[in-house]
Amino acid sequence: MSIGNWTVADAKARFSELIEQAQSKGPQTITKHGRTAAVVVSAEEWERKTKRTGNLAEFFATSPLRDSGVEIKRRKDRPRKVDL
């Protein structure tokens, strides 16, 4: 996947092409005043990158710290008083 570089002005003027490039060639970087301002990716890539794998219980079950012997104890202090 090659990354294309676009200025904001070019991205505005050639928006359809920008989207086509993101779909066919990969992420497209948009710069503003010479600095990266945004990256346009295809919907397919976005879904792939943001897809959630597993749930919280599975995350803790596969944690490398699961059998480390670390014990976490909850404090039994009373809640502090807050003046309202």
Protein backbone atom coordinates (compact mmCIF):
# COMPACT_ATOMS: atom_id res chain seq x y z
CA MET A 1 0.00 0.00 0.00
CA SER A 2 1.43 3.32 -0.96
CA ILE A 3 0.54 6.45 0.89
CA GLY A 4 -0.45 9.49 -1.15
CA ASN A 5 0.20 13.03 0.04
CA TRP A 6 -2.29 15.83 -0.60
CA THR A 7 -2.48 19.45 0.43
CA VAL A 8 -5.82 20.64 1.80
CA ALA A 9 -6.39 22.66 -1.37
CA ASP A 10 -5.72 19.64 -3.61
CA ALA A 11 -7.89 17.37 -1.46
CA LYS A 12 -10.79 19.85 -1.68
CA ALA A 13 -10.43 20.31 -5.42
CA ARG A 14 -10.03 16.60 -6.20
CA PHE A 15 -12.09 14.99 -3.43
CA SER A 16 -13.51 12.17 -5.58
CA GLU A 17 -10.01 11.25 -6.72
CA LEU A 18 -8.80 11.33 -3.12
CA ILE A 19 -11.47 8.79 -2.15
CA GLU A 20 -10.67 6.58 -5.15
CA GLN A 21 -6.96 6.63 -4.24
CA ALA A 22 -7.76 5.69 -0.63
CA GLN A 23 -9.80 2.74 -1.89
CA SER A 24 -7.30 1.50 -4.44
CA LYS A 25 -3.86 2.50 -3.13
CA GLY A 26 -4.26 2.82 0.63
CA PRO A 27 -4.22 5.66 3.15
CA GLN A 28 -3.98 9.20 1.78
CA THR A 29 -2.36 11.89 3.92
CA ILE A 30 -3.67 15.46 3.88
CA THR A 31 -1.28 18.18 4.98
CA LYS A 32 -1.97 21.71 6.16
CA HIS A 33 0.91 24.19 6.32
CA GLY A 34 3.32 21.30 5.73
CA ARG A 35 2.09 19.23 8.69
CA THR A 36 -0.10 16.13 8.61
CA ALA A 37 -3.67 17.19 9.33
CA ALA A 38 -5.68 14.08 8.42
CA VAL A 39 -5.50 10.66 6.85
CA VAL A 40 -8.24 9.32 4.58
CA VAL A 41 -8.70 5.54 4.50
CA SER A 42 -11.23 3.34 2.74
CA ALA A 43 -14.31 2.22 4.67
CA GLU A 44 -13.09 -1.37 4.34
CA GLU A 45 -9.75 -0.57 5.98
CA TRP A 46 -11.43 1.49 8.69
CA GLU A 47 -13.73 -1.43 9.57
CA ARG A 48 -10.78 -3.82 9.65
CA LYS A 49 -8.69 -1.56 11.88
CA THR A 50 -11.48 -0.69 14.32
CA LYS A 51 -13.06 -4.14 14.58
CA ARG A 52 -13.29 -5.15 18.19
CA THR A 53 -11.84 -8.56 18.95
CA GLY A 54 -13.11 -10.33 22.02
CA ASN A 55 -14.59 -8.82 25.14
CA LEU A 56 -13.26 -7.58 28.45
CA ALA A 57 -13.56 -10.98 30.14
CA GLU A 58 -11.51 -12.60 27.35
CA PHE A 59 -8.93 -9.83 27.60
CA PHE A 60 -8.41 -10.47 31.32
CA ALA A 61 -8.45 -14.25 30.83
CA THR A 62 -5.58 -14.06 28.32
CA SER A 63 -3.59 -11.40 30.19
CA PRO A 64 0.06 -12.30 30.81
CA LEU A 65 -0.44 -11.01 34.37
CA ARG A 66 -3.20 -13.54 35.10
CA ASP A 67 -0.94 -15.98 36.97
CA SER A 68 1.68 -13.46 38.06
CA GLY A 69 0.73 -13.61 41.73
CA VAL A 70 -0.14 -9.92 41.87
CA GLU A 71 -2.82 -9.31 44.47
CA ILE A 72 -5.01 -6.27 44.30
CA LYS A 73 -6.76 -5.40 47.51
CA ARG A 74 -9.58 -2.94 47.78
CA ARG A 75 -9.24 -0.29 50.45
CA LYS A 76 -11.91 -0.33 53.11
CA ASP A 77 -11.65 3.37 53.97
CA ARG A 78 -14.83 5.30 54.27
CA PRO A 79 -15.57 7.82 51.52
CA ARG A 80 -14.12 11.25 52.24
CA LYS A 81 -16.43 14.08 53.16
CA VAL A 82 -16.98 16.75 50.57
CA ASP A 83 -18.36 20.19 51.41
CA LEU A 84 -20.95 21.25 48.90
